[in-house]
Protein backbone atom coordinates (compact mmCIF):
# COMPACT_ATOMS: atom_id res chain seq x y z
CA MET A 1 -0.58 0.30 0.08
CA ALA A 2 1.54 3.61 -1.33
CA LEU A 3 0.65 6.96 0.31
CA ILE A 4 0.27 9.27 -2.57
CA VAL A 5 -0.83 12.71 -2.40
CA GLN A 6 -2.86 14.12 -4.97
CA LYS A 7 -3.26 17.89 -5.87
CA TYR A 8 -6.04 19.13 -8.51
CA GLY A 9 -5.67 22.53 -9.95
CA GLY A 10 -8.63 24.89 -10.35
CA THR A 11 -9.26 24.07 -14.29
CA SER A 12 -9.42 20.19 -12.71
CA VAL A 13 -12.21 21.27 -10.55
CA GLY A 14 -13.39 23.98 -12.88
CA ASN A 15 -17.12 22.48 -12.79
CA LEU A 16 -18.90 19.77 -11.24
CA GLU A 17 -18.65 17.18 -13.99
CA ARG A 18 -15.03 17.64 -13.81
CA ILE A 19 -15.10 17.41 -9.91
CA LYS A 20 -17.24 14.05 -10.16
CA ASN A 21 -14.70 12.93 -13.06
CA VAL A 22 -11.59 13.59 -10.35
CA ALA A 23 -13.42 11.93 -7.53
CA ALA A 24 -13.77 8.62 -9.70
CA LYS A 25 -10.38 8.85 -10.21
CA VAL A 26 -9.38 9.40 -6.66
CA LEU A 27 -11.35 6.58 -5.88
CA LYS A 28 -10.23 4.29 -8.57
CA ARG A 29 -6.74 5.21 -7.33
CA GLN A 30 -7.71 3.74 -3.54
CA GLN A 31 -9.89 0.93 -4.73
CA ALA A 32 -5.94 -0.35 -6.31
CA GLY A 33 -5.05 -0.41 -2.77
CA ASP A 34 -3.40 2.97 -2.20
CA GLN A 35 -4.21 5.55 0.37
CA VAL A 36 -5.04 8.91 -1.05
CA VAL A 37 -4.66 12.42 0.14
CA VAL A 38 -6.36 14.89 -2.09
CA VAL A 39 -5.34 18.60 -2.22
CA VAL A 40 -7.65 21.17 -4.16
CA SER A 41 -7.45 24.80 -5.43
CA ALA A 42 -10.63 26.58 -6.15
CA MET A 43 -12.42 26.24 -8.96
CA ALA A 44 -11.53 28.15 -11.81
CA GLY A 45 -12.20 31.81 -11.89
CA GLU A 46 -13.35 31.58 -7.94
CA THR A 47 -10.20 33.60 -6.74
CA ASN A 48 -10.17 36.30 -9.36
CA LYS A 49 -14.07 36.66 -8.15
CA LEU A 50 -13.07 37.25 -4.56
CA ILE A 51 -10.37 39.15 -5.15
CA LYS A 52 -12.57 41.93 -7.69
CA LEU A 53 -15.48 42.05 -4.82
CA ALA A 54 -12.74 43.13 -2.09
CA LEU A 55 -11.28 45.83 -4.17
CA GLU A 56 -14.48 47.92 -5.30
CA LEU A 57 -15.39 47.66 -1.64
CA ASN A 58 -11.65 48.76 -1.04
CA GLU A 59 -8.85 49.62 -3.09
CA LEU A 60 -6.49 48.84 -0.37
CA PRO A 61 -8.67 46.19 1.39
CA ASP A 62 -6.98 45.05 5.39
CA LEU A 63 -4.97 42.16 4.49
CA ARG A 64 -6.36 40.11 7.38
CA GLU A 65 -9.61 40.57 6.04
CA TYR A 66 -8.16 39.61 2.29
CA ASP A 67 -7.17 36.44 3.26
CA ALA A 68 -9.98 35.73 4.95
CA LEU A 69 -12.43 36.09 1.90
CA ILE A 70 -10.17 35.08 -1.14
CA SER A 71 -9.46 31.73 1.18
CA THR A 72 -12.90 30.68 0.81
CA GLY A 73 -13.07 29.36 -2.73
CA GLU A 74 -10.71 26.29 -1.73
CA ASN A 75 -13.42 25.47 0.98
CA VAL A 76 -16.29 25.34 -1.31
CA SER A 77 -14.09 22.69 -4.02
CA CYS A 78 -12.93 20.87 -1.58
CA ALA A 79 -16.30 20.13 0.29
CA LEU A 80 -17.84 19.30 -3.35
CA MET A 81 -15.04 17.14 -3.93
CA ALA A 82 -15.69 14.66 -0.66
CA ILE A 83 -19.78 15.19 -1.84
CA ALA A 84 -18.90 13.72 -5.41
CA ILE A 85 -17.20 10.94 -3.54
CA HIS A 86 -19.84 10.21 -1.59
CA SER A 87 -22.25 9.91 -4.25
CA LEU A 88 -19.88 7.67 -5.75
CA GLY A 89 -20.18 5.40 -3.12
CA GLY A 90 -16.76 6.69 -1.51
CA LYS A 91 -15.71 7.78 1.90
CA ALA A 92 -14.39 11.00 2.41
CA ARG A 93 -13.35 13.85 4.88
CA SER A 94 -12.71 17.27 3.83
CA LEU A 95 -10.52 19.21 5.52
CA CYS A 96 -9.54 23.54 6.44
CA ALA A 97 -6.16 24.01 7.29
CA TYR A 98 -7.24 24.72 10.71
CA GLN A 99 -8.94 21.49 11.06
CA VAL A 100 -5.21 19.71 9.89
CA PRO A 101 -3.94 21.95 11.36
CA ILE A 102 -1.38 23.43 8.58
CA VAL A 103 0.44 26.52 10.77
CA THR A 104 1.59 29.17 8.79
CA HIS A 105 3.92 32.08 10.02
CA GLY A 106 5.10 35.47 7.91
CA VAL A 107 2.80 37.73 6.32
CA TYR A 108 -0.60 38.09 4.58
CA LYS A 109 -0.95 37.16 1.13
CA ASP A 110 2.48 35.21 1.28
CA GLY A 111 2.23 32.98 4.16
CA ARG A 112 5.27 30.18 4.85
CA ILE A 113 4.11 26.80 6.62
CA LYS A 114 5.72 26.74 9.48
CA SER A 115 4.61 22.81 10.63
CA ILE A 116 1.67 20.39 9.74
CA GLU A 117 0.00 18.51 12.48
CA THR A 118 -0.60 14.78 10.51
CA ARG A 119 -1.93 12.90 13.15
CA LEU A 120 -6.03 13.53 12.08
CA ILE A 121 -5.20 12.77 8.40
CA GLN A 122 -3.61 9.66 9.83
CA LYS A 123 -6.49 8.26 11.38
CA LEU A 124 -9.12 9.24 8.79
CA LEU A 125 -6.81 7.50 6.20
CA LYS A 126 -6.64 4.18 8.48
CA GLN A 127 -10.80 4.71 8.78
CA GLY A 128 -10.67 3.81 5.07
CA ASN A 129 -11.19 7.81 4.04
CA VAL A 130 -9.88 9.38 1.31
CA VAL A 131 -8.88 12.79 3.00
CA ILE A 132 -9.45 16.08 0.78
CA VAL A 133 -7.64 19.14 2.07
CA ALA A 134 -8.34 22.82 0.87
CA GLY A 135 -5.21 24.16 -0.56
CA PHE A 136 -3.16 27.76 -0.31
CA GLN A 137 -4.12 28.28 2.94
CA GLY A 138 -3.21 27.82 6.24
CA VAL A 139 -3.99 29.55 10.12
CA ASP A 140 -1.26 31.17 12.60
CA GLU A 141 -0.94 30.68 16.22
CA GLU A 142 -3.58 33.38 16.73
CA GLY A 143 -6.35 31.64 14.37
CA ASN A 144 -5.85 34.14 11.25
CA ILE A 145 -5.94 32.70 8.15
CA HIS A 146 -2.97 32.92 5.75
CA THR A 147 -2.53 32.15 2.14
CA LEU A 148 0.31 30.50 0.34
CA GLY A 149 1.00 32.95 -2.08
CA ARG A 150 0.53 32.46 -5.87
CA GLY A 151 0.69 28.52 -7.10
CA GLY A 152 -0.20 28.13 -2.95
CA SER A 153 -2.21 25.07 -3.58
CA ASP A 154 1.10 23.37 -4.72
CA THR A 155 3.25 24.29 -1.88
CA THR A 156 -0.03 22.93 0.58
CA ALA A 157 0.33 19.50 -1.49
CA VAL A 158 4.05 19.25 -1.05
CA ALA A 159 4.06 19.89 2.45
CA LEU A 160 1.59 17.22 3.13
CA ALA A 161 3.72 14.43 1.12
CA ALA A 162 6.42 15.60 3.19
CA ALA A 163 5.03 15.65 6.37
CA LEU A 164 3.32 12.32 5.76
CA LYS A 165 6.69 11.00 4.18
CA ALA A 166 4.24 10.18 0.77
CA ASP A 167 5.58 8.15 -1.76
CA LEU A 168 4.52 10.28 -4.40
CA CYS A 169 2.98 13.64 -4.98
CA GLU A 170 1.10 13.93 -7.86
CA ILE A 171 -0.13 17.29 -9.45
CA TYR A 172 -2.59 17.28 -11.53
CA THR A 173 -2.93 20.28 -14.02
CA ASP A 174 -4.38 20.87 -17.58
CA VAL A 175 -1.34 19.81 -18.93
CA ASP A 176 0.46 16.06 -19.85
CA GLY A 177 3.53 17.04 -17.77
CA ILE A 178 6.47 19.44 -18.75
CA TYR A 179 8.03 20.08 -21.89
CA THR A 180 10.76 21.21 -24.13
CA ALA A 181 9.27 24.55 -24.68
CA ASP A 182 5.30 26.14 -24.58
CA PRO A 183 3.64 23.59 -27.18
CA ASN A 184 1.15 26.30 -27.90
CA ILE A 185 4.41 27.87 -29.48
CA CYS A 186 6.18 25.23 -30.23
CA PRO A 187 3.91 22.52 -31.61
CA ASN A 188 7.15 20.05 -31.75
CA ALA A 189 8.21 20.13 -28.22
CA ARG A 190 8.81 17.24 -26.55
CA LYS A 191 7.15 16.58 -23.31
CA LEU A 192 10.06 15.16 -20.42
CA GLU A 193 9.94 11.72 -19.05
CA LYS A 194 12.00 13.38 -16.75
CA ILE A 195 13.85 16.40 -15.38
CA SER A 196 15.79 17.38 -11.94
CA TYR A 197 14.41 19.69 -8.95
CA ASP A 198 16.93 22.23 -9.98
CA GLU A 199 15.69 22.43 -13.81
CA VAL A 200 12.30 22.67 -12.91
CA MET A 201 12.82 25.53 -10.21
CA GLU A 202 15.19 27.47 -12.98
CA LEU A 203 12.18 26.58 -15.08
CA ALA A 204 9.47 28.11 -12.56
CA SER A 205 11.48 31.10 -12.05
CA LEU A 206 11.90 31.94 -15.93
CA GLY A 207 8.41 31.86 -16.47
CA ALA A 208 7.21 28.54 -16.92
CA LYS A 209 3.61 27.51 -15.25
CA VAL A 210 3.47 24.23 -14.51
CA LEU A 211 4.45 23.88 -11.31
CA MET A 212 5.47 27.21 -8.89
CA ILE A 213 9.01 27.35 -7.16
CA ARG A 214 8.53 27.25 -3.85
CA SER A 215 6.69 24.10 -3.60
CA VAL A 216 9.75 22.56 -5.79
CA GLU A 217 11.86 23.99 -3.32
CA LEU A 218 9.79 22.11 -0.95
CA ALA A 219 10.15 18.80 -2.70
CA LYS A 220 13.65 19.34 -3.15
CA ASN A 221 14.49 19.69 0.06
CA TYR A 222 12.52 17.27 1.70
CA ASN A 223 12.73 14.59 -1.17
CA VAL A 224 9.88 14.45 -2.46
CA LYS A 225 9.30 12.93 -5.36
CA LEU A 226 6.51 14.76 -7.71
CA ALA A 227 4.66 13.64 -10.69
CA VAL A 228 3.41 16.32 -13.17
CA LEU A 229 -0.06 14.57 -14.61
CA SER A 230 -3.28 15.87 -16.52
CA SER A 231 -6.24 15.00 -14.92
CA MET A 232 -8.01 15.54 -18.47
CA VAL A 233 -6.66 12.76 -20.19
CA ASP A 234 -5.06 9.62 -19.13
CA LEU A 235 -1.00 9.58 -20.27
CA PRO A 236 2.09 9.07 -18.36
CA GLY A 237 3.16 12.44 -17.11
CA THR A 238 6.81 13.91 -15.96
CA LEU A 239 8.68 12.57 -12.98
CA VAL A 240 10.45 15.47 -10.98
CA ILE A 241 13.14 13.98 -8.94
CA LYS A 242 17.22 14.20 -7.66
CA GLY A 243 19.33 14.61 -11.05
CA ASP A 244 21.51 11.64 -12.08
CA LYS A 245 24.92 10.98 -14.15
CA GLU A 246 22.19 10.45 -17.13
CA MET A 247 19.92 13.38 -16.78
CA GLU A 248 23.34 15.27 -16.90
CA LYS A 249 24.18 13.71 -20.37
CA THR A 250 21.41 16.30 -21.71
CA VAL A 251 22.68 20.05 -22.12
CA VAL A 252 19.74 21.71 -22.66
CA SER A 253 16.41 20.41 -20.70
CA GLY A 254 13.91 23.26 -22.19
CA VAL A 255 13.44 26.75 -23.18
CA ALA A 256 11.44 29.20 -20.95
CA TYR A 257 9.85 32.84 -21.22
CA ASP A 258 8.68 35.22 -19.36
CA LYS A 259 6.45 38.48 -20.74
CA ASN A 260 6.20 39.50 -17.01
CA GLU A 261 9.53 41.86 -16.95
CA CYS A 262 9.95 45.73 -17.21
CA LYS A 263 13.05 47.40 -17.55
CA VAL A 264 14.04 50.35 -15.60
CA THR A 265 17.51 52.62 -16.83
CA VAL A 266 18.58 55.24 -13.89
CA SER A 267 20.84 57.12 -16.26
CA ARG A 268 23.93 59.24 -15.00
CA VAL A 269 24.52 57.90 -11.66
CA PRO A 270 27.83 58.87 -10.24
CA ASP A 271 30.44 56.41 -10.66
CA GLN A 272 31.08 55.95 -6.97
CA PRO A 273 31.12 53.29 -4.15
CA GLY A 274 27.96 52.58 -2.76
CA VAL A 275 25.94 54.13 -5.37
CA ALA A 276 24.68 50.39 -6.41
CA ALA A 277 23.82 49.98 -2.72
CA THR A 278 21.71 53.30 -2.05
CA LEU A 279 19.14 52.35 -5.28
CA PHE A 280 19.17 48.26 -4.39
CA LYS A 281 18.76 48.71 -0.82
CA GLY A 282 15.36 50.47 -0.87
CA LEU A 283 14.51 47.94 -3.49
CA GLY A 284 15.22 45.15 -1.47
CA GLU A 285 13.82 46.67 1.60
CA SER A 286 10.35 46.75 -0.36
CA HIS A 287 10.90 43.57 -0.94
CA ILE A 288 10.67 43.87 -5.28
CA VAL A 289 12.54 41.28 -6.91
CA VAL A 290 15.40 42.57 -9.06
CA ASP A 291 16.40 39.84 -11.87
CA MET A 292 18.35 40.87 -14.10
CA ILE A 293 21.37 44.41 -13.85
CA VAL A 294 23.29 45.77 -15.94
CA GLN A 295 26.03 48.58 -15.33
CA ASN A 296 27.40 50.57 -18.05
CA VAL A 297 30.40 52.77 -17.60
CA SER A 298 31.04 56.00 -19.19
CA ASP A 299 34.43 57.69 -19.30
CA GLN A 300 32.71 60.90 -18.09
CA GLY A 301 32.68 59.69 -14.57
CA TYR A 302 29.11 58.46 -14.45
CA THR A 303 27.07 55.48 -14.96
CA ASP A 304 23.62 54.09 -16.41
CA LEU A 305 22.29 51.55 -14.14
CA THR A 306 19.74 48.86 -15.41
CA PHE A 307 17.38 46.59 -13.57
CA THR A 308 14.29 44.56 -14.49
CA VAL A 309 12.04 43.95 -12.32
CA ARG A 310 8.07 42.14 -12.69
CA LYS A 311 5.48 44.28 -14.19
CA GLU A 312 3.43 44.49 -11.02
CA ASP A 313 6.16 45.87 -9.13
CA LEU A 314 6.89 48.82 -11.25
CA PRO A 315 4.66 51.29 -9.94
CA ARG A 316 6.98 50.80 -6.54
CA ALA A 317 10.34 50.66 -8.23
CA ARG A 318 10.03 53.29 -10.05
CA LYS A 319 9.09 55.84 -6.97
CA LEU A 320 12.24 54.11 -5.63
CA ALA A 321 14.39 54.88 -8.53
CA GLU A 322 13.30 58.55 -8.97
CA GLU A 323 13.91 58.63 -4.74
CA ALA A 324 17.39 57.14 -4.91
CA SER A 325 18.23 59.33 -8.02
CA ARG A 326 17.68 62.81 -6.55
CA LYS A 327 19.39 61.38 -3.60
CA LEU A 328 22.22 60.63 -5.92
CA LEU A 329 22.12 63.51 -8.13
CA ALA A 330 21.44 60.97 -11.19
CA GLY A 331 19.74 61.66 -14.69
CA GLU A 332 16.18 60.80 -15.61
CA ILE A 333 14.13 57.17 -14.88
CA ARG A 334 13.99 55.66 -18.39
CA ILE A 335 11.51 52.52 -18.24
CA ASP A 336 10.55 50.12 -21.13
CA PRO A 337 7.93 47.28 -20.18
CA ASN A 338 8.02 46.07 -23.92
CA VAL A 339 10.71 43.35 -22.88
CA ALA A 340 10.32 39.51 -22.18
CA LYS A 341 12.92 37.59 -20.71
CA VAL A 342 14.33 33.99 -22.71
CA SER A 343 16.11 31.14 -21.30
CA VAL A 344 17.60 27.85 -22.13
CA VAL A 345 17.98 25.63 -18.53
CA GLY A 346 19.39 22.35 -18.21
CA VAL A 347 21.54 20.48 -15.40
CA GLY A 348 24.42 19.39 -18.10
CA MET A 349 25.52 22.90 -18.75
CA ARG A 350 27.66 22.71 -15.74
CA SER A 351 30.16 20.74 -17.64
CA ALA A 352 29.27 21.37 -21.43
CA ALA A 353 31.22 24.28 -23.66
CA GLY A 354 29.75 26.47 -25.95
CA VAL A 355 26.15 26.97 -24.59
CA ALA A 356 26.23 30.75 -25.03
CA ALA A 357 27.69 30.70 -27.87
CA LYS A 358 25.04 28.39 -29.55
CA MET A 359 22.34 30.93 -27.67
CA PHE A 360 23.86 34.00 -29.05
CA ALA A 361 24.42 32.57 -32.75
CA ALA A 362 20.78 31.67 -33.04
CA LEU A 363 19.18 34.72 -31.61
CA GLY A 364 21.50 36.88 -33.97
CA ARG A 365 20.72 34.92 -36.78
CA ALA A 366 17.09 35.40 -35.86
CA GLY A 367 18.31 39.14 -36.02
CA ILE A 368 17.12 39.13 -32.52
CA ASN A 369 19.40 41.78 -30.39
CA ILE A 370 20.37 41.17 -26.75
CA GLN A 371 19.58 43.73 -23.96
CA ALA A 372 20.91 42.57 -21.35
CA ILE A 373 22.25 38.77 -20.06
CA SER A 374 21.83 36.98 -16.63
CA THR A 375 23.37 33.66 -16.06
CA SER A 376 22.97 30.52 -12.94
CA GLU A 377 25.02 27.44 -13.43
CA ILE A 378 22.10 25.79 -15.56
CA LYS A 379 20.78 28.66 -17.25
CA LEU A 380 21.41 31.43 -19.51
CA SER A 381 19.18 34.09 -19.92
CA CYS A 382 18.64 36.78 -22.56
CA LEU A 383 16.51 40.13 -21.96
CA ILE A 384 14.76 41.13 -25.75
CA ASP A 385 12.38 42.62 -27.23
CA ALA A 386 9.09 41.28 -26.95
CA LYS A 387 7.38 41.48 -29.76
CA TYR A 388 10.45 38.71 -30.90
CA THR A 389 9.47 36.49 -27.96
CA GLU A 390 8.26 33.68 -30.25
CA LEU A 391 10.48 33.69 -32.77
CA ALA A 392 13.26 33.63 -30.00
CA VAL A 393 11.66 30.69 -28.25
CA ARG A 394 11.27 28.71 -31.35
CA GLU A 395 15.06 29.43 -32.72
CA LEU A 396 16.44 28.54 -29.39
CA HIS A 397 14.23 25.47 -29.37
CA GLY A 398 15.47 24.28 -33.06
CA ALA A 399 19.36 25.50 -32.20
CA PHE A 400 19.45 22.70 -29.40
CA GLU A 401 17.51 20.35 -31.53
CA LEU A 402 15.14 19.72 -28.40
CA ALA A 403 12.49 18.19 -30.65
CA LYS A 404 14.90 15.22 -31.15
CA GLY A 405 15.51 14.25 -27.67
CA PRO A 406 18.79 14.64 -25.75
CA SER A 407 21.74 15.92 -27.47
CA ALA A 408 25.24 16.87 -25.94
CA LEU A 409 28.14 19.64 -26.37
CA LYS A 410 31.74 19.04 -25.93
CA PRO A 411 31.93 17.95 -22.33
CA ARG A 412 34.33 20.46 -19.91
CA LYS A 413 36.09 20.51 -16.57
CA ARG A 414 34.73 23.75 -15.52
CA ALA A 415 30.79 25.52 -17.11
CA ARG A 416 31.61 28.75 -19.29
CA ARG A 417 29.48 30.47 -20.99
């Protein structure tokens, strides 16, 4: 008997018919001999409706009440799933976060899971129940509800799998696995049989939306075996596991893109020690994530500082950049919202030469100018004009022959990109 945690996203439980289909799938798994814990998101569109209601009443709602409101969508789908399982002759019990309990701490809208009590879940499983847990929510030690941020139901599922020492955590979405690129852009994109935690974390941070980065971080830290599957079709998915030597033979595993980027340039900044710290300290204190940073030094004692932030952070980032510019006696602030980041990712990049050259050559052949570059041990990203995003993805997918399967460049002792 295996213990399986399954997570179903909003599309998978988007209406009553889909909830019935999921209930049948869950019961089939239980009847095969496994114990099953199910984590559900709110029905598709419900959270957005709740957010809209809050903002119509108050543009800046109290965050405690905001979290109390937007967490209710998961309560509805959780109870409906239990009712659907009962209607099919199964046993099920629904649990909200406070009933488990899933204890959180931190700020509202972005709570962090502190601990999970598993005794009630284990008791219900032993009694033959499918246990259904509301995703996306936790409760702090004072009884306040915290939501877990974007992709919070994935985080709930992985954290439960870690706490229960589950054999597998299955993430059901509206796609049937992780692909080498977005199939909507690259029709010949290939579904990956397996991929490493590190690669998925990079892809998630670079715009791929199959799994959220916090859930993968948890899975890696607690060695939770993940599978990404579709709730709509009965097909094999993609396993997310610890990397191995076989996986490292593939230099590039996938191409990702992110259009949710804005470029901010602070011009004529004095070329002196500490000026960058003055600018980026304020951004950090405001919890604004800065991605790419480029510094262009002139011979006149000034420098232009360019960085990227997410579009939702642009108003605050602009204000902070303007304040820093006045303090530093710098020049104008230039904003470009029409940019995108394209990236290649692969654990094999750690030991292969020529990745950067191949990427730059492919973009150059397509007439795509590179505005900024960032790297990590297993990824290479370029900032480009947003109108070339789809072209860039297709060119890179073809250049690295990702449709054909694993390929390798020349191995080397130390990565140079």
